[in-house]
């Protein structure tokens, strides 16, 4: 489905933003839609990641209105990472502590 009303009029269907589950079945569908700008894709994925779409009994799953099957928050965040094209790990590698976090035993 196309979230815009026509190719030439550049009018965005707000239903795709407010209820992405009615237009897209999976976050990768949002990424692969050529009619959406990067900002529109980011807004749709962010609305999908919102806690308002979380399933109460399993908060790691998101089920926006109209979605046939829930998706995990990890799938949504992965799509956002792909959209940004940035590194998946923070620069500089894995952080570590220079000192022990255990308490010194009093002698």
PDB file of N, CA and C in Angstrom:
ATOM      1  N   UNK A   1       0.830  -1.201   0.000  1.00  0.00           N
ATOM      2  CA  UNK A   1       0.000   0.000   0.000  1.00  0.00           C
ATOM      3  C   UNK A   1       0.861   1.245   0.000  1.00  0.00           C
ATOM      4  N   UNK A   2       0.375   2.280  -0.563  1.00  0.00           N
ATOM      5  CA  UNK A   2       1.097   3.546  -0.593  1.00  0.00           C
ATOM      6  C   UNK A   2       0.502   4.484   0.437  1.00  0.00           C
ATOM      7  N   UNK A   3       1.308   5.030   1.336  1.00  0.00           N
ATOM      8  CA  UNK A   3       0.789   5.957   2.321  1.00  0.00           C
ATOM      9  C   UNK A   3       0.554   7.363   1.788  1.00  0.00           C
ATOM     10  N   UNK A   4       0.999   7.663   0.569  1.00  0.00           N
ATOM     11  CA  UNK A   4       0.686   8.968  -0.003  1.00  0.00           C
ATOM     12  C   UNK A   4      -0.516   8.810  -0.904  1.00  0.00           C
ATOM     13  N   UNK A   5      -1.240   9.895  -1.134  1.00  0.00           N
ATOM     14  CA  UNK A   5      -2.463   9.811  -1.929  1.00  0.00           C
ATOM     15  C   UNK A   5      -2.187   9.737  -3.411  1.00  0.00           C
ATOM     16  N   UNK A   6      -1.108  10.322  -3.869  1.00  0.00           N
ATOM     17  CA  UNK A   6      -0.711  10.244  -5.274  1.00  0.00           C
ATOM     18  C   UNK A   6       0.783  10.528  -5.362  1.00  0.00           C
ATOM     19  N   UNK A   7       1.371  10.092  -6.426  1.00  0.00           N
ATOM     20  CA  UNK A   7       2.819  10.233  -6.568  1.00  0.00           C
ATOM     21  C   UNK A   7       3.255  11.692  -6.687  1.00  0.00           C
ATOM     22  N   UNK A   8       2.425  12.530  -7.288  1.00  0.00           N
ATOM     23  CA  UNK A   8       2.840  13.897  -7.575  1.00  0.00           C
ATOM     24  C   UNK A   8       2.402  14.938  -6.551  1.00  0.00           C
ATOM     25  N   UNK A   9       1.438  14.624  -5.692  1.00  0.00           N
ATOM     26  CA  UNK A   9       0.916  15.690  -4.828  1.00  0.00           C
ATOM     27  C   UNK A   9       1.628  15.828  -3.496  1.00  0.00           C
ATOM     28  N   UNK A  10       2.513  14.866  -3.136  1.00  0.00           N
ATOM     29  CA  UNK A  10       3.325  14.962  -1.931  1.00  0.00           C
ATOM     30  C   UNK A  10       2.503  15.176  -0.664  1.00  0.00           C
ATOM     31  N   UNK A  11       1.340  14.541  -0.579  1.00  0.00           N
ATOM     32  CA  UNK A  11       0.489  14.611   0.598  1.00  0.00           C
ATOM     33  C   UNK A  11       0.663  13.308   1.363  1.00  0.00           C
ATOM     34  N   UNK A  12       1.062  13.405   2.618  1.00  0.00           N
ATOM     35  CA  UNK A  12       1.327  12.224   3.438  1.00  0.00           C
ATOM     36  C   UNK A  12       0.047  11.776   4.128  1.00  0.00           C
ATOM     37  N   UNK A  13      -0.209  10.489   4.098  1.00  0.00           N
ATOM     38  CA  UNK A  13      -1.366   9.911   4.775  1.00  0.00           C
ATOM     39  C   UNK A  13      -1.053   9.814   6.268  1.00  0.00           C
ATOM     40  N   UNK A  14      -1.716  10.620   7.080  1.00  0.00           N
ATOM     41  CA  UNK A  14      -1.460  10.612   8.528  1.00  0.00           C
ATOM     42  C   UNK A  14      -1.836   9.291   9.166  1.00  0.00           C
ATOM     43  N   UNK A  15      -2.689   8.518   8.529  1.00  0.00           N
ATOM     44  CA  UNK A  15      -3.056   7.220   9.062  1.00  0.00           C
ATOM     45  C   UNK A  15      -1.825   6.330   9.196  1.00  0.00           C
ATOM     46  N   UNK A  16      -0.871   6.459   8.285  1.00  0.00           N
ATOM     47  CA  UNK A  16       0.361   5.673   8.348  1.00  0.00           C
ATOM     48  C   UNK A  16       1.174   6.030   9.581  1.00  0.00           C
ATOM     49  N   UNK A  17       1.148   7.282   9.980  1.00  0.00           N
ATOM     50  CA  UNK A  17       1.880   7.711  11.174  1.00  0.00           C
ATOM     51  C   UNK A  17       1.117   7.377  12.452  1.00  0.00           C
ATOM     52  N   UNK A  18      -0.182   7.667  12.458  1.00  0.00           N
ATOM     53  CA  UNK A  18      -0.973   7.452  13.665  1.00  0.00           C
ATOM     54  C   UNK A  18      -1.310   5.984  13.899  1.00  0.00           C
ATOM     55  N   UNK A  19      -1.476   5.232  12.820  1.00  0.00           N
ATOM     56  CA  UNK A  19      -1.826   3.812  12.921  1.00  0.00           C
ATOM     57  C   UNK A  19      -1.007   3.016  11.902  1.00  0.00           C
ATOM     58  N   UNK A  20       0.307   2.892  12.133  1.00  0.00           N
ATOM     59  CA  UNK A  20       1.164   2.244  11.137  1.00  0.00           C
ATOM     60  C   UNK A  20       0.791   0.797  10.869  1.00  0.00           C
ATOM     61  N   UNK A  21       0.150   0.129  11.826  1.00  0.00           N
ATOM     62  CA  UNK A  21      -0.240  -1.262  11.639  1.00  0.00           C
ATOM     63  C   UNK A  21      -1.303  -1.451  10.579  1.00  0.00           C
ATOM     64  N   UNK A  22      -2.027  -0.391  10.247  1.00  0.00           N
ATOM     65  CA  UNK A  22      -3.041  -0.502   9.203  1.00  0.00           C
ATOM     66  C   UNK A  22      -2.448  -0.371   7.807  1.00  0.00           C
ATOM     67  N   UNK A  23      -1.226   0.125   7.716  1.00  0.00           N
ATOM     68  CA  UNK A  23      -0.591   0.346   6.418  1.00  0.00           C
ATOM     69  C   UNK A  23       0.588  -0.599   6.205  1.00  0.00           C
ATOM     70  N   UNK A  24       1.351  -0.887   7.261  1.00  0.00           N
ATOM     71  CA  UNK A  24       2.552  -1.718   7.167  1.00  0.00           C
ATOM     72  C   UNK A  24       2.415  -2.932   8.075  1.00  0.00           C
ATOM     73  N   UNK A  25       2.965  -4.065   7.623  1.00  0.00           N
ATOM     74  CA  UNK A  25       2.901  -5.283   8.432  1.00  0.00           C
ATOM     75  C   UNK A  25       4.147  -5.499   9.282  1.00  0.00           C
ATOM     76  N   UNK A  26       5.272  -4.888   8.891  1.00  0.00           N
ATOM     77  CA  UNK A  26       6.533  -5.113   9.599  1.00  0.00           C
ATOM     78  C   UNK A  26       7.415  -3.880   9.417  1.00  0.00           C
ATOM     79  N   UNK A  27       8.318  -3.609  10.364  1.00  0.00           N
ATOM     80  CA  UNK A  27       9.207  -2.455  10.215  1.00  0.00           C
ATOM     81  C   UNK A  27      10.009  -2.450   8.916  1.00  0.00           C
ATOM     82  N   UNK A  28      10.379  -3.613   8.406  1.00  0.00           N
ATOM     83  CA  UNK A  28      11.132  -3.639   7.144  1.00  0.00           C
ATOM     84  C   UNK A  28      10.281  -3.136   5.974  1.00  0.00           C
ATOM     85  N   UNK A  29       8.934  -3.254   6.098  1.00  0.00           N
ATOM     86  CA  UNK A  29       8.053  -2.720   5.061  1.00  0.00           C
ATOM     87  C   UNK A  29       8.120  -1.195   5.028  1.00  0.00           C
ATOM     88  N   UNK A  30       8.294  -0.599   6.191  1.00  0.00           N
ATOM     89  CA  UNK A  30       8.441   0.854   6.268  1.00  0.00           C
ATOM     90  C   UNK A  30       9.744   1.257   5.574  1.00  0.00           C
ATOM     91  N   UNK A  31      10.826   0.533   5.876  1.00  0.00           N
ATOM     92  CA  UNK A  31      12.129   0.853   5.284  1.00  0.00           C
ATOM     93  C   UNK A  31      12.129   0.706   3.771  1.00  0.00           C
ATOM     94  N   UNK A  32      11.409  -0.266   3.268  1.00  0.00           N
ATOM     95  CA  UNK A  32      11.458  -0.539   1.828  1.00  0.00           C
ATOM     96  C   UNK A  32      10.487   0.301   1.005  1.00  0.00           C
ATOM     97  N   UNK A  33       9.664   1.123   1.652  1.00  0.00           N
ATOM     98  CA  UNK A  33       8.702   1.941   0.911  1.00  0.00           C
ATOM     99  C   UNK A  33       9.416   3.129   0.269  1.00  0.00           C
ATOM    100  N   UNK A  34       9.500   3.159  -1.069  1.00  0.00           N
ATOM    101  CA  UNK A  34      10.231   4.235  -1.743  1.00  0.00           C
ATOM    102  C   UNK A  34       9.506   5.582  -1.735  1.00  0.00           C
ATOM    103  N   UNK A  35       8.228   5.581  -1.406  1.00  0.00           N
ATOM    104  CA  UNK A  35       7.477   6.836  -1.440  1.00  0.00           C
ATOM    105  C   UNK A  35       7.635   7.658  -0.162  1.00  0.00           C
ATOM    106  N   UNK A  36       8.278   7.078   0.863  1.00  0.00           N
ATOM    107  CA  UNK A  36       8.453   7.777   2.139  1.00  0.00           C
ATOM    108  C   UNK A  36       9.834   8.410   2.223  1.00  0.00           C
ATOM    109  N   UNK A  37       9.885   9.595   2.821  1.00  0.00           N
ATOM    110  CA  UNK A  37      11.176  10.224   3.091  1.00  0.00           C
ATOM    111  C   UNK A  37      11.782   9.578   4.336  1.00  0.00           C
ATOM    112  N   UNK A  38      13.049   9.840   4.572  1.00  0.00           N
ATOM    113  CA  UNK A  38      13.713   9.309   5.764  1.00  0.00           C
ATOM    114  C   UNK A  38      13.027   9.811   7.027  1.00  0.00           C
ATOM    115  N   UNK A  39      12.624  11.056   7.039  1.00  0.00           N
ATOM    116  CA  UNK A  39      11.942  11.621   8.216  1.00  0.00           C
ATOM    117  C   UNK A  39      10.601  10.948   8.454  1.00  0.00           C
ATOM    118  N   UNK A  40       9.872  10.668   7.396  1.00  0.00           N
ATOM    119  CA  UNK A  40       8.585   9.992   7.531  1.00  0.00           C
ATOM    120  C   UNK A  40       8.773   8.574   8.042  1.00  0.00           C
ATOM    121  N   UNK A  41       9.775   7.871   7.528  1.00  0.00           N
ATOM    122  CA  UNK A  41      10.068   6.519   7.999  1.00  0.00           C
ATOM    123  C   UNK A  41      10.433   6.531   9.481  1.00  0.00           C
ATOM    124  N   UNK A  42      11.270   7.492   9.871  1.00  0.00           N
ATOM    125  CA  UNK A  42      11.677   7.596  11.271  1.00  0.00           C
ATOM    126  C   UNK A  42      10.469   7.868  12.169  1.00  0.00           C
ATOM    127  N   UNK A  43       9.574   8.744  11.735  1.00  0.00           N
ATOM    128  CA  UNK A  43       8.386   9.071  12.533  1.00  0.00           C
ATOM    129  C   UNK A  43       7.476   7.858  12.681  1.00  0.00           C
ATOM    130  N   UNK A  44       7.301   7.108  11.604  1.00  0.00           N
ATOM    131  CA  UNK A  44       6.451   5.918  11.669  1.00  0.00           C
ATOM    132  C   UNK A  44       7.064   4.872  12.598  1.00  0.00           C
ATOM    133  N   UNK A  45       8.351   4.618  12.451  1.00  0.00           N
ATOM    134  CA  UNK A  45       9.009   3.629  13.308  1.00  0.00           C
ATOM    135  C   UNK A  45       9.009   4.073  14.769  1.00  0.00           C
ATOM    136  N   UNK A  46       9.185   5.362  15.004  1.00  0.00           N
ATOM    137  CA  UNK A  46       9.166   5.872  16.387  1.00  0.00           C
ATOM    138  C   UNK A  46       7.783   5.722  17.001  1.00  0.00           C
ATOM    139  N   UNK A  47       6.746   5.974  16.218  1.00  0.00           N
ATOM    140  CA  UNK A  47       5.395   5.807  16.758  1.00  0.00           C
ATOM    141  C   UNK A  47       5.115   4.333  17.034  1.00  0.00           C
ATOM    142  N   UNK A  48       5.677   3.464  16.210  1.00  0.00           N
ATOM    143  CA  UNK A  48       5.521   2.030  16.401  1.00  0.00           C
ATOM    144  C   UNK A  48       6.259   1.572  17.662  1.00  0.00           C
ATOM    145  N   UNK A  49       7.397   2.176  17.938  1.00  0.00           N
ATOM    146  CA  UNK A  49       8.194   1.808  19.104  1.00  0.00           C
ATOM    147  C   UNK A  49       7.617   2.361  20.405  1.00  0.00           C
ATOM    148  N   UNK A  50       6.698   3.277  20.299  1.00  0.00           N
ATOM    149  CA  UNK A  50       6.118   3.926  21.474  1.00  0.00           C
ATOM    150  C   UNK A  50       5.529   2.915  22.454  1.00  0.00           C
ATOM    151  N   UNK A  51       5.614   3.240  23.727  1.00  0.00           N
ATOM    152  CA  UNK A  51       5.022   2.388  24.753  1.00  0.00           C
ATOM    153  C   UNK A  51       3.511   2.265  24.590  1.00  0.00           C
ATOM    154  N   UNK A  52       2.889   3.192  23.899  1.00  0.00           N
ATOM    155  CA  UNK A  52       1.445   3.124  23.663  1.00  0.00           C
ATOM    156  C   UNK A  52       1.082   1.900  22.834  1.00  0.00           C
ATOM    157  N   UNK A  53       2.039   1.372  22.066  1.00  0.00           N
ATOM    158  CA  UNK A  53       1.799   0.184  21.248  1.00  0.00           C
ATOM    159  C   UNK A  53       2.214  -1.105  21.945  1.00  0.00           C
ATOM    160  N   UNK A  54       2.749  -0.992  23.153  1.00  0.00           N
ATOM    161  CA  UNK A  54       3.240  -2.175  23.866  1.00  0.00           C
ATOM    162  C   UNK A  54       2.081  -3.058  24.316  1.00  0.00           C
ATOM    163  N   UNK A  55       2.340  -4.347  24.308  1.00  0.00           N
ATOM    164  CA  UNK A  55       1.374  -5.310  24.826  1.00  0.00           C
ATOM    165  C   UNK A  55       1.605  -5.398  26.329  1.00  0.00           C
ATOM    166  N   UNK A  56       0.556  -5.192  27.120  1.00  0.00           N
ATOM    167  CA  UNK A  56       0.694  -5.105  28.579  1.00  0.00           C
ATOM    168  C   UNK A  56       1.325  -6.354  29.185  1.00  0.00           C
ATOM    169  N   UNK A  57       0.960  -7.524  28.716  1.00  0.00           N
ATOM    170  CA  UNK A  57       1.485  -8.756  29.308  1.00  0.00           C
ATOM    171  C   UNK A  57       2.883  -9.110  28.803  1.00  0.00           C
ATOM    172  N   UNK A  58       3.334  -8.444  27.755  1.00  0.00           N
ATOM    173  CA  UNK A  58       4.666  -8.706  27.196  1.00  0.00           C
ATOM    174  C   UNK A  58       5.202  -7.399  26.613  1.00  0.00           C
ATOM    175  N   UNK A  59       5.770  -6.533  27.448  1.00  0.00           N
ATOM    176  CA  UNK A  59       6.162  -5.195  27.006  1.00  0.00           C
ATOM    177  C   UNK A  59       7.230  -5.145  25.920  1.00  0.00           C
ATOM    178  N   UNK A  60       7.897  -6.255  25.628  1.00  0.00           N
ATOM    179  CA  UNK A  60       8.887  -6.238  24.550  1.00  0.00           C
ATOM    180  C   UNK A  60       8.230  -6.378  23.178  1.00  0.00           C
ATOM    181  N   UNK A  61       6.930  -6.646  23.150  1.00  0.00           N
ATOM    182  CA  UNK A  61       6.189  -6.752  21.892  1.00  0.00           C
ATOM    183  C   UNK A  61       5.372  -5.498  21.653  1.00  0.00           C
ATOM    184  N   UNK A  62       5.263  -5.112  20.401  1.00  0.00           N
ATOM    185  CA  UNK A  62       4.455  -3.966  20.013  1.00  0.00           C
ATOM    186  C   UNK A  62       3.374  -4.429  19.050  1.00  0.00           C
ATOM    187  N   UNK A  63       2.164  -3.954  19.255  1.00  0.00           N
ATOM    188  CA  UNK A  63       1.042  -4.293  18.388  1.00  0.00           C
ATOM    189  C   UNK A  63       0.211  -3.047  18.138  1.00  0.00           C
ATOM    190  N   UNK A  64       0.654  -2.186  17.225  1.00  0.00           N
ATOM    191  CA  UNK A  64      -0.154  -1.012  16.891  1.00  0.00           C
ATOM    192  C   UNK A  64      -1.511  -1.444  16.340  1.00  0.00           C
ATOM    193  N   UNK A  65      -2.500  -0.581  16.448  1.00  0.00           N
ATOM    194  CA  UNK A  65      -3.841  -0.890  15.964  1.00  0.00           C
ATOM    195  C   UNK A  65      -3.790  -1.315  14.504  1.00  0.00           C
ATOM    196  N   UNK A  66      -4.465  -2.408  14.201  1.00  0.00           N
ATOM    197  CA  UNK A  66      -4.552  -2.886  12.834  1.00  0.00           C
ATOM    198  C   UNK A  66      -3.486  -3.883  12.431  1.00  0.00           C
ATOM    199  N   UNK A  67      -2.470  -4.075  13.260  1.00  0.00           N
ATOM    200  CA  UNK A  67      -1.380  -4.992  12.923  1.00  0.00           C
ATOM    201  C   UNK A  67      -1.859  -6.434  13.080  1.00  0.00           C
ATOM    202  N   UNK A  68      -1.542  -7.286  12.106  1.00  0.00           N
ATOM    203  CA  UNK A  68      -1.985  -8.686  12.140  1.00  0.00           C
ATOM    204  C   UNK A  68      -1.224  -9.500  13.173  1.00  0.00           C
ATOM    205  N   UNK A  69       0.076  -9.261  13.300  1.00  0.00           N
ATOM    206  CA  UNK A  69       0.908  -9.995  14.252  1.00  0.00           C
ATOM    207  C   UNK A  69       1.848  -9.009  14.938  1.00  0.00           C
ATOM    208  N   UNK A  70       2.058  -9.164  16.253  1.00  0.00           N
ATOM    209  CA  UNK A  70       2.961  -8.237  16.957  1.00  0.00           C
ATOM    210  C   UNK A  70       4.398  -8.382  16.486  1.00  0.00           C
ATOM    211  N   UNK A  71       5.165  -7.319  16.663  1.00  0.00           N
ATOM    212  CA  UNK A  71       6.593  -7.325  16.355  1.00  0.00           C
ATOM    213  C   UNK A  71       7.347  -6.957  17.625  1.00  0.00           C
ATOM    214  N   UNK A  72       8.599  -7.353  17.689  1.00  0.00           N
ATOM    215  CA  UNK A  72       9.383  -7.054  18.883  1.00  0.00           C
ATOM    216  C   UNK A  72       9.963  -5.648  18.784  1.00  0.00           C
ATOM    217  N   UNK A  73      10.225  -5.085  19.939  1.00  0.00           N
ATOM    218  CA  UNK A  73      10.853  -3.766  19.981  1.00  0.00           C
ATOM    219  C   UNK A  73      12.236  -3.839  19.334  1.00  0.00           C
ATOM    220  N   UNK A  74      12.894  -4.998  19.447  1.00  0.00           N
ATOM    221  CA  UNK A  74      14.206  -5.165  18.823  1.00  0.00           C
ATOM    222  C   UNK A  74      14.136  -5.035  17.304  1.00  0.00           C
ATOM    223  N   UNK A  75      13.068  -5.564  16.696  1.00  0.00           N
ATOM    224  CA  UNK A  75      12.907  -5.443  15.240  1.00  0.00           C
ATOM    225  C   UNK A  75      12.708  -3.985  14.832  1.00  0.00           C
ATOM    226  N   UNK A  76      11.988  -3.253  15.649  1.00  0.00           N
ATOM    227  CA  UNK A  76      11.743  -1.838  15.360  1.00  0.00           C
ATOM    228  C   UNK A  76      13.039  -1.044  15.515  1.00  0.00           C
ATOM    229  N   UNK A  77      13.774  -1.296  16.600  1.00  0.00           N
ATOM    230  CA  UNK A  77      15.034  -0.595  16.826  1.00  0.00           C
ATOM    231  C   UNK A  77      16.066  -0.957  15.763  1.00  0.00           C
ATOM    232  N   UNK A  78      16.054  -2.206  15.308  1.00  0.00           N
ATOM    233  CA  UNK A  78      16.946  -2.624  14.225  1.00  0.00           C
ATOM    234  C   UNK A  78      16.623  -1.848  12.943  1.00  0.00           C
ATOM    235  N   UNK A  79      15.348  -1.666  12.662  1.00  0.00           N
ATOM    236  CA  UNK A  79      14.938  -0.898  11.481  1.00  0.00           C
ATOM    237  C   UNK A  79      15.399   0.553  11.610  1.00  0.00           C
ATOM    238  N   UNK A  80      15.295   1.118  12.806  1.00  0.00           N
ATOM    239  CA  UNK A  80      15.764   2.492  13.018  1.00  0.00           C
ATOM    240  C   UNK A  80      17.281   2.580  12.824  1.00  0.00           C
ATOM    241  N   UNK A  81      18.017   1.576  13.282  1.00  0.00           N
ATOM    242  CA  UNK A  81      19.476   1.545  13.069  1.00  0.00           C
ATOM    243  C   UNK A  81      19.788   1.465  11.583  1.00  0.00           C
ATOM    244  N   UNK A  82      19.059   0.618  10.862  1.00  0.00           N
ATOM    245  CA  UNK A  82      19.278   0.496   9.417  1.00  0.00           C
ATOM    246  C   UNK A  82      18.972   1.813   8.717  1.00  0.00           C
ATOM    247  N   UNK A  83      17.956   2.498   9.178  1.00  0.00           N
ATOM    248  CA  UNK A  83      17.573   3.777   8.591  1.00  0.00           C
ATOM    249  C   UNK A  83      18.679   4.807   8.787  1.00  0.00           C
ATOM    250  N   UNK A  84      19.271   4.815   9.962  1.00  0.00           N
ATOM    251  CA  UNK A  84      20.323   5.776  10.266  1.00  0.00           C
ATOM    252  C   UNK A  84      21.654   5.402   9.627  1.00  0.00           C
ATOM    253  N   UNK A  85      21.835   4.115   9.348  1.00  0.00           N
ATOM    254  CA  UNK A  85      23.073   3.682   8.705  1.00  0.00           C
ATOM    255  C   UNK A  85      24.305   3.820   9.574  1.00  0.00           C
ATOM    256  N   UNK A  86      24.116   4.014  10.868  1.00  0.00           N
ATOM    257  CA  UNK A  86      25.247   4.187  11.768  1.00  0.00           C
ATOM    258  C   UNK A  86      25.730   2.884  12.345  1.00  0.00           C
ATOM    259  N   UNK A  87      26.776   2.945  13.155  1.00  0.00           N
ATOM    260  CA  UNK A  87      27.307   1.731  13.766  1.00  0.00           C
ATOM    261  C   UNK A  87      26.327   1.157  14.786  1.00  0.00           C
ATOM    262  N   UNK A  88      26.310  -0.168  14.882  1.00  0.00           N
ATOM    263  CA  UNK A  88      25.417  -0.827  15.834  1.00  0.00           C
ATOM    264  C   UNK A  88      26.014  -0.847  17.239  1.00  0.00           C
ATOM    265  N   UNK A  89      27.302  -0.634  17.330  1.00  0.00           N
ATOM    266  CA  UNK A  89      27.971  -0.615  18.626  1.00  0.00           C
ATOM    267  C   UNK A  89      28.557   0.772  18.849  1.00  0.00           C
ATOM    268  N   UNK A  90      28.636   1.202  20.089  1.00  0.00           N
ATOM    269  CA  UNK A  90      29.206   2.523  20.334  1.00  0.00           C
ATOM    270  C   UNK A  90      30.673   2.567  19.939  1.00  0.00           C
ATOM    271  N   UNK A  91      31.144   3.715  19.472  1.00  0.00           N
ATOM    272  CA  UNK A  91      32.557   3.829  19.108  1.00  0.00           C
ATOM    273  C   UNK A  91      33.449   3.572  20.314  1.00  0.00           C
ATOM    274  N   UNK A  92      34.584   2.974  20.080  1.00  0.00           N
ATOM    275  CA  UNK A  92      35.515   2.730  21.175  1.00  0.00           C
ATOM    276  C   UNK A  92      35.383   1.354  21.790  1.00  0.00           C
ATOM    277  N   UNK A  93      34.463   0.547  21.316  1.00  0.00           N
ATOM    278  CA  UNK A  93      34.318  -0.809  21.832  1.00  0.00           C
ATOM    279  C   UNK A  93      33.484  -0.878  23.093  1.00  0.00           C
ATOM    280  N   UNK A  94      33.576  -2.023  23.741  1.00  0.00           N
ATOM    281  CA  UNK A  94      32.784  -2.286  24.937  1.00  0.00           C
ATOM    282  C   UNK A  94      33.341  -1.512  26.131  1.00  0.00           C
ATOM    283  N   UNK A  95      32.462  -0.796  26.868  1.00  0.00           N
ATOM    284  CA  UNK A  95      32.940  -0.072  28.048  1.00  0.00           C
ATOM    285  C   UNK A  95      33.296  -1.041  29.176  1.00  0.00           C
ATOM    286  N   UNK A  96      34.249  -0.673  29.991  1.00  0.00           N
ATOM    287  CA  UNK A  96      34.595  -1.479  31.155  1.00  0.00           C
ATOM    288  C   UNK A  96      34.997  -0.564  32.297  1.00  0.00           C
ATOM    289  N   UNK A  97      34.906  -1.094  33.504  1.00  0.00           N
ATOM    290  CA  UNK A  97      35.251  -0.326  34.696  1.00  0.00           C
ATOM    291  C   UNK A  97      36.747  -0.444  34.966  1.00  0.00           C
ATOM    292  N   UNK A  98      37.343   0.653  35.413  1.00  0.00           N
ATOM    293  CA  UNK A  98      38.760   0.643  35.749  1.00  0.00           C
ATOM    294  C   UNK A  98      38.997   0.119  37.156  1.00  0.00           C
ATOM    295  N   UNK A  99      37.996   0.235  38.009  1.00  0.00           N
ATOM    296  CA  UNK A  99      38.119  -0.239  39.381  1.00  0.00           C
ATOM    297  C   UNK A  99      37.042  -1.269  39.670  1.00  0.00           C
ATOM    298  N   UNK A 100      37.304  -2.069  40.660  1.00  0.00           N
ATOM    299  CA  UNK A 100      36.341  -3.069  41.070  1.00  0.00           C
ATOM    300  C   UNK A 100      35.117  -2.395  41.661  1.00  0.00           C
ATOM    301  N   UNK A 101      33.968  -2.968  41.428  1.00  0.00           N
ATOM    302  CA  UNK A 101      32.735  -2.426  41.998  1.00  0.00           C
ATOM    303  C   UNK A 101      32.394  -3.066  43.330  1.00  0.00           C
ATOM    304  N   UNK A 102      33.161  -4.098  43.710  1.00  0.00           N
ATOM    305  CA  UNK A 102      32.899  -4.741  45.011  1.00  0.00           C
ATOM    306  C   UNK A 102      33.517  -3.901  46.129  1.00  0.00           C
ATOM    307  N   UNK A 103      32.918  -3.980  47.255  1.00  0.00           N
ATOM    308  CA  UNK A 103      33.417  -3.213  48.402  1.00  0.00           C
ATOM    309  C   UNK A 103      34.665  -3.866  48.974  1.00  0.00           C
ATOM    310  N   UNK A 104      35.541  -3.044  49.447  1.00  0.00           N
ATOM    311  CA  UNK A 104      36.753  -3.557  50.120  1.00  0.00           C
ATOM    312  C   UNK A 104      36.338  -4.113  51.473  1.00  0.00           C
ATOM    313  N   UNK A 105      36.894  -5.242  51.803  1.00  0.00           N
ATOM    314  CA  UNK A 105      36.560  -5.882  53.079  1.00  0.00           C
ATOM    315  C   UNK A 105      37.331  -5.163  54.183  1.00  0.00           C
ATOM    316  N   UNK A 106      36.614  -4.764  55.221  1.00  0.00           N
ATOM    317  CA  UNK A 106      37.249  -4.073  56.350  1.00  0.00           C
ATOM    318  C   UNK A 106      38.096  -5.079  57.129  1.00  0.00           C
ATOM    319  N   UNK A 107      39.338  -4.720  57.437  1.00  0.00           N
ATOM    320  CA  UNK A 107      40.241  -5.632  58.139  1.00  0.00           C
ATOM    321  C   UNK A 107      40.120  -5.514  59.620  1.00  0.00           C
TER     322      UNK A 107
END
